Amino acid sequence: MKKRNVAGGGNEMYNLNWSRSDLTRQKLGTFCEYYAKMSLASYGVSIYTSEVDDHGIDFIAESKRGFLKFQVKAIRKGTGYVFMREEYFDISDQSLYLFLLLLNDGEYPIEYLIPATTWDNDSSNTFVYHSYEGKKSKPEYGLNISAKNIPQLERFKLENMITAI
């Protein structure tokens, strides 16, 4: 792994240290959006961005299938939960994808491209829906990421999905 000299004089593994305290959620989100765009662009997909993200879509891309919409999420340390608000994540939209990045310290991001329709067609406890009926929280679609569930995500790895888009 490549190490880089950083201000302050020490050698640190800066670019793969996802848990460092100065990598705020906002900085991480920005990085992951750029990373997702560059990964798709490396496969020849055309990327279109907007200055305002007001509908839960982080970017649009054009592939051989036409225009596709992406929401980008990241999770550190390989396990946990990510969610998309129901109002912004239409699981009947065949052009909508979750671009998920799993970030483990010392490793490059593991990339997954998950069609939104998966939540409508999957009965496992990996892809879930929470209505929060009668509660403050708004309804959401979620993804339970655990050591047990990671094998179920294998089919959604970017290199396995890129030909489908």
C-alpha atoms as a PDB file:
ATOM      1  CA  MET A   1       0.000   0.000   0.000  1.00  0.00           C
ATOM      2  CA  LYS A   2       1.204   3.430  -0.871  1.00  0.00           C
ATOM      3  CA  LYS A   3       1.947   5.762   2.012  1.00  0.00           C
ATOM      4  CA  ARG A   4       2.140   9.471   1.695  1.00  0.00           C
ATOM      5  CA  ASN A   5       3.929  12.145   3.658  1.00  0.00           C
ATOM      6  CA  VAL A   6       1.435  14.545   5.221  1.00  0.00           C
ATOM      7  CA  ALA A   7       1.758  17.953   6.847  1.00  0.00           C
ATOM      8  CA  GLY A   8       3.101  17.447  10.336  1.00  0.00           C
ATOM      9  CA  GLY A   9       5.949  15.276   9.161  1.00  0.00           C
ATOM     10  CA  GLY A  10       4.634  11.755   9.765  1.00  0.00           C
ATOM     11  CA  ASN A  11       4.012   9.009   7.285  1.00  0.00           C
ATOM     12  CA  GLU A  12       0.391   8.027   7.352  1.00  0.00           C
ATOM     13  CA  MET A  13      -1.752   5.911   5.110  1.00  0.00           C
ATOM     14  CA  TYR A  14      -3.904   8.924   4.353  1.00  0.00           C
ATOM     15  CA  ASN A  15      -5.957   7.942   1.341  1.00  0.00           C
ATOM     16  CA  LEU A  16      -7.122   4.572   2.709  1.00  0.00           C
ATOM     17  CA  ASN A  17      -7.662   5.571   6.336  1.00  0.00           C
ATOM     18  CA  TRP A  18     -11.458   5.884   6.229  1.00  0.00           C
ATOM     19  CA  SER A  19     -11.905   6.080  10.003  1.00  0.00           C
ATOM     20  CA  ARG A  20      -9.750   9.151  10.587  1.00  0.00           C
ATOM     21  CA  SER A  21     -11.508  11.884  12.563  1.00  0.00           C
ATOM     22  CA  ASP A  22     -10.993  14.677  10.017  1.00  0.00           C
ATOM     23  CA  LEU A  23     -12.913  12.724   7.364  1.00  0.00           C
ATOM     24  CA  THR A  24     -16.354  14.058   8.275  1.00  0.00           C
ATOM     25  CA  ARG A  25     -19.572  12.545   6.935  1.00  0.00           C
ATOM     26  CA  GLN A  26     -19.884  15.436   4.489  1.00  0.00           C
ATOM     27  CA  LYS A  27     -16.310  15.047   3.203  1.00  0.00           C
ATOM     28  CA  LEU A  28     -16.776  11.298   2.931  1.00  0.00           C
ATOM     29  CA  GLY A  29     -20.036  11.768   1.017  1.00  0.00           C
ATOM     30  CA  THR A  30     -18.397  14.161  -1.416  1.00  0.00           C
ATOM     31  CA  PHE A  31     -15.454  11.804  -1.934  1.00  0.00           C
ATOM     32  CA  CYS A  32     -17.742   8.808  -2.518  1.00  0.00           C
ATOM     33  CA  GLU A  33     -19.840  10.668  -5.086  1.00  0.00           C
ATOM     34  CA  TYR A  34     -16.696  11.573  -7.041  1.00  0.00           C
ATOM     35  CA  TYR A  35     -15.358   8.030  -6.682  1.00  0.00           C
ATOM     36  CA  ALA A  36     -18.613   6.539  -8.011  1.00  0.00           C
ATOM     37  CA  LYS A  37     -18.624   8.918 -10.972  1.00  0.00           C
ATOM     38  CA  MET A  38     -15.007   8.158 -11.836  1.00  0.00           C
ATOM     39  CA  SER A  39     -15.548   4.408 -11.542  1.00  0.00           C
ATOM     40  CA  LEU A  40     -18.473   4.506 -13.969  1.00  0.00           C
ATOM     41  CA  ALA A  41     -16.616   6.892 -16.288  1.00  0.00           C
ATOM     42  CA  SER A  42     -13.711   4.420 -16.413  1.00  0.00           C
ATOM     43  CA  TYR A  43     -16.151   1.948 -18.033  1.00  0.00           C
ATOM     44  CA  GLY A  44     -17.167   4.504 -20.663  1.00  0.00           C
ATOM     45  CA  VAL A  45     -20.363   5.675 -18.979  1.00  0.00           C
ATOM     46  CA  SER A  46     -21.130   9.385 -19.502  1.00  0.00           C
ATOM     47  CA  ILE A  47     -21.700  11.288 -16.246  1.00  0.00           C
ATOM     48  CA  TYR A  48     -23.962  14.306 -15.700  1.00  0.00           C
ATOM     49  CA  THR A  49     -24.024  16.248 -12.459  1.00  0.00           C
ATOM     50  CA  SER A  50     -26.132  19.034 -11.074  1.00  0.00           C
ATOM     51  CA  GLU A  51     -25.216  21.706  -8.603  1.00  0.00           C
ATOM     52  CA  VAL A  52     -28.288  21.029  -6.452  1.00  0.00           C
ATOM     53  CA  ASP A  53     -29.252  17.677  -4.929  1.00  0.00           C
ATOM     54  CA  ASP A  54     -32.858  18.218  -3.925  1.00  0.00           C
ATOM     55  CA  HIS A  55     -34.475  14.961  -4.994  1.00  0.00           C
ATOM     56  CA  GLY A  56     -32.151  12.319  -3.547  1.00  0.00           C
ATOM     57  CA  ILE A  57     -30.394  11.740  -6.875  1.00  0.00           C
ATOM     58  CA  ASP A  58     -26.656  12.335  -6.619  1.00  0.00           C
ATOM     59  CA  PHE A  59     -25.954  12.146 -10.355  1.00  0.00           C
ATOM     60  CA  ILE A  60     -27.267  10.908 -13.686  1.00  0.00           C
ATOM     61  CA  ALA A  61     -25.343   8.802 -16.163  1.00  0.00           C
ATOM     62  CA  GLU A  62     -25.910   7.723 -19.727  1.00  0.00           C
ATOM     63  CA  SER A  63     -25.057   4.176 -20.703  1.00  0.00           C
ATOM     64  CA  LYS A  64     -26.059   1.851 -23.522  1.00  0.00           C
ATOM     65  CA  ARG A  65     -29.355   1.353 -21.612  1.00  0.00           C
ATOM     66  CA  GLY A  66     -30.104   5.068 -21.629  1.00  0.00           C
ATOM     67  CA  PHE A  67     -30.181   7.507 -18.739  1.00  0.00           C
ATOM     68  CA  LEU A  68     -29.710   6.115 -15.240  1.00  0.00           C
ATOM     69  CA  LYS A  69     -30.062   7.780 -11.832  1.00  0.00           C
ATOM     70  CA  PHE A  70     -27.749   7.105  -8.909  1.00  0.00           C
ATOM     71  CA  GLN A  71     -27.918   7.624  -5.192  1.00  0.00           C
ATOM     72  CA  VAL A  72     -24.514   7.134  -3.537  1.00  0.00           C
ATOM     73  CA  LYS A  73     -24.076   5.780  -0.015  1.00  0.00           C
ATOM     74  CA  ALA A  74     -21.007   4.683   1.903  1.00  0.00           C
ATOM     75  CA  ILE A  75     -20.442   2.687   5.012  1.00  0.00           C
ATOM     76  CA  ARG A  76     -17.226   2.491   6.994  1.00  0.00           C
ATOM     77  CA  LYS A  77     -15.763  -0.672   8.542  1.00  0.00           C
ATOM     78  CA  GLY A  78     -17.803  -3.003   6.368  1.00  0.00           C
ATOM     79  CA  THR A  79     -20.911  -3.534   8.489  1.00  0.00           C
ATOM     80  CA  GLY A  80     -23.906  -1.480   9.501  1.00  0.00           C
ATOM     81  CA  TYR A  81     -26.979   0.021   7.930  1.00  0.00           C
ATOM     82  CA  VAL A  82     -27.606   2.517   5.140  1.00  0.00           C
ATOM     83  CA  PHE A  83     -30.976   3.893   4.144  1.00  0.00           C
ATOM     84  CA  MET A  84     -32.723   5.917   1.487  1.00  0.00           C
ATOM     85  CA  ARG A  85     -35.887   7.880   2.232  1.00  0.00           C
ATOM     86  CA  GLU A  86     -38.905   6.397   0.477  1.00  0.00           C
ATOM     87  CA  GLU A  87     -39.907   9.805  -0.912  1.00  0.00           C
ATOM     88  CA  TYR A  88     -36.629   9.945  -2.880  1.00  0.00           C
ATOM     89  CA  PHE A  89     -36.053   6.272  -3.670  1.00  0.00           C
ATOM     90  CA  ASP A  90     -38.743   4.863  -5.955  1.00  0.00           C
ATOM     91  CA  ILE A  91     -38.263   1.089  -5.983  1.00  0.00           C
ATOM     92  CA  SER A  92     -40.403   0.761  -9.120  1.00  0.00           C
ATOM     93  CA  ASP A  93     -37.990   2.976 -11.095  1.00  0.00           C
ATOM     94  CA  GLN A  94     -35.918   0.669 -13.296  1.00  0.00           C
ATOM     95  CA  SER A  95     -33.437   3.450 -14.037  1.00  0.00           C
ATOM     96  CA  LEU A  96     -32.587   4.102 -10.361  1.00  0.00           C
ATOM     97  CA  TYR A  97     -29.566   2.544  -8.650  1.00  0.00           C
ATOM     98  CA  LEU A  98     -27.882   2.635  -5.276  1.00  0.00           C
ATOM     99  CA  PHE A  99     -24.122   2.968  -5.699  1.00  0.00           C
ATOM    100  CA  LEU A 100     -22.775   1.598  -2.423  1.00  0.00           C
ATOM    101  CA  LEU A 101     -19.176   1.849  -1.261  1.00  0.00           C
ATOM    102  CA  LEU A 102     -17.892  -0.293   1.616  1.00  0.00           C
ATOM    103  CA  LEU A 103     -14.876   1.321   3.226  1.00  0.00           C
ATOM    104  CA  ASN A 104     -12.450  -0.738   5.277  1.00  0.00           C
ATOM    105  CA  ASP A 105      -9.272   0.915   6.547  1.00  0.00           C
ATOM    106  CA  GLY A 106      -6.249  -0.006   4.455  1.00  0.00           C
ATOM    107  CA  GLU A 107      -8.383  -1.135   1.496  1.00  0.00           C
ATOM    108  CA  TYR A 108      -9.762   0.486  -1.624  1.00  0.00           C
ATOM    109  CA  PRO A 109     -13.552   0.912  -1.620  1.00  0.00           C
ATOM    110  CA  ILE A 110     -15.626  -2.121  -2.508  1.00  0.00           C
ATOM    111  CA  GLU A 111     -18.236  -0.939  -5.008  1.00  0.00           C
ATOM    112  CA  TYR A 112     -21.766  -2.236  -5.444  1.00  0.00           C
ATOM    113  CA  LEU A 113     -24.376  -1.212  -7.989  1.00  0.00           C
ATOM    114  CA  ILE A 114     -27.825  -2.191  -6.684  1.00  0.00           C
ATOM    115  CA  PRO A 115     -30.997  -1.611  -8.715  1.00  0.00           C
ATOM    116  CA  ALA A 116     -33.759   0.085  -6.696  1.00  0.00           C
ATOM    117  CA  THR A 117     -36.105  -2.661  -7.882  1.00  0.00           C
ATOM    118  CA  THR A 118     -34.170  -5.114  -5.691  1.00  0.00           C
ATOM    119  CA  TRP A 119     -36.144  -3.880  -2.661  1.00  0.00           C
ATOM    120  CA  ASP A 120     -39.367  -4.888  -4.403  1.00  0.00           C
ATOM    121  CA  ASN A 121     -38.111  -8.340  -5.400  1.00  0.00           C
ATOM    122  CA  ASP A 122     -36.053  -9.488  -2.411  1.00  0.00           C
ATOM    123  CA  SER A 123     -37.488 -11.281   0.600  1.00  0.00           C
ATOM    124  CA  SER A 124     -34.271 -11.529   2.622  1.00  0.00           C
ATOM    125  CA  ASN A 125     -33.551  -9.435   5.686  1.00  0.00           C
ATOM    126  CA  THR A 126     -30.747  -7.694   3.776  1.00  0.00           C
ATOM    127  CA  PHE A 127     -32.994  -5.349   1.775  1.00  0.00           C
ATOM    128  CA  VAL A 128     -35.592  -3.923   4.143  1.00  0.00           C
ATOM    129  CA  TYR A 129     -38.397  -1.380   4.352  1.00  0.00           C
ATOM    130  CA  HIS A 130     -39.328   0.545   7.487  1.00  0.00           C
ATOM    131  CA  SER A 131     -42.648   2.391   7.376  1.00  0.00           C
ATOM    132  CA  TYR A 132     -42.251   3.947  10.831  1.00  0.00           C
ATOM    133  CA  GLU A 133     -46.035   4.240  10.895  1.00  0.00           C
ATOM    134  CA  GLY A 134     -47.135   6.513  13.727  1.00  0.00           C
ATOM    135  CA  LYS A 135     -43.546   7.614  14.410  1.00  0.00           C
ATOM    136  CA  LYS A 136     -41.514  10.751  13.732  1.00  0.00           C
ATOM    137  CA  SER A 137     -39.151   9.149  11.225  1.00  0.00           C
ATOM    138  CA  LYS A 138     -40.094   9.112   7.557  1.00  0.00           C
ATOM    139  CA  PRO A 139     -40.453   5.765   5.717  1.00  0.00           C
ATOM    140  CA  GLU A 140     -37.206   4.374   4.318  1.00  0.00           C
ATOM    141  CA  TYR A 141     -35.635   1.565   2.359  1.00  0.00           C
ATOM    142  CA  GLY A 142     -32.590   0.145   4.064  1.00  0.00           C
ATOM    143  CA  LEU A 143     -29.725  -2.216   3.536  1.00  0.00           C
ATOM    144  CA  ASN A 144     -28.475  -4.337   6.440  1.00  0.00           C
ATOM    145  CA  ILE A 145     -24.794  -4.959   5.868  1.00  0.00           C
ATOM    146  CA  SER A 146     -23.268  -7.663   8.023  1.00  0.00           C
ATOM    147  CA  ALA A 147     -20.651 -10.371   7.601  1.00  0.00           C
ATOM    148  CA  LYS A 148     -23.547 -12.792   7.062  1.00  0.00           C
ATOM    149  CA  ASN A 149     -25.183 -10.618   4.380  1.00  0.00           C
ATOM    150  CA  ILE A 150     -22.070  -9.629   2.398  1.00  0.00           C
ATOM    151  CA  PRO A 151     -22.181 -12.801   0.237  1.00  0.00           C
ATOM    152  CA  GLN A 152     -25.705 -11.799  -0.889  1.00  0.00           C
ATOM    153  CA  LEU A 153     -24.248  -8.571  -2.249  1.00  0.00           C
ATOM    154  CA  GLU A 154     -21.615 -10.320  -4.398  1.00  0.00           C
ATOM    155  CA  ARG A 155     -23.862 -10.326  -7.482  1.00  0.00           C
ATOM    156  CA  PHE A 156     -24.141  -6.525  -7.183  1.00  0.00           C
ATOM    157  CA  LYS A 157     -20.393  -5.802  -7.260  1.00  0.00           C
ATOM    158  CA  LEU A 158     -19.692  -3.149  -9.871  1.00  0.00           C
ATOM    159  CA  GLU A 159     -17.629  -5.471 -12.048  1.00  0.00           C
ATOM    160  CA  ASN A 160     -20.545  -7.955 -12.106  1.00  0.00           C
ATOM    161  CA  MET A 161     -23.196  -5.299 -12.836  1.00  0.00           C
ATOM    162  CA  ILE A 162     -21.466  -3.004 -15.326  1.00  0.00           C
ATOM    163  CA  THR A 163     -22.530  -5.031 -18.367  1.00  0.00           C
ATOM    164  CA  ALA A 164     -26.192  -4.802 -17.260  1.00  0.00           C
ATOM    165  CA  ILE A 165     -26.197  -1.032 -17.428  1.00  0.00           C
END
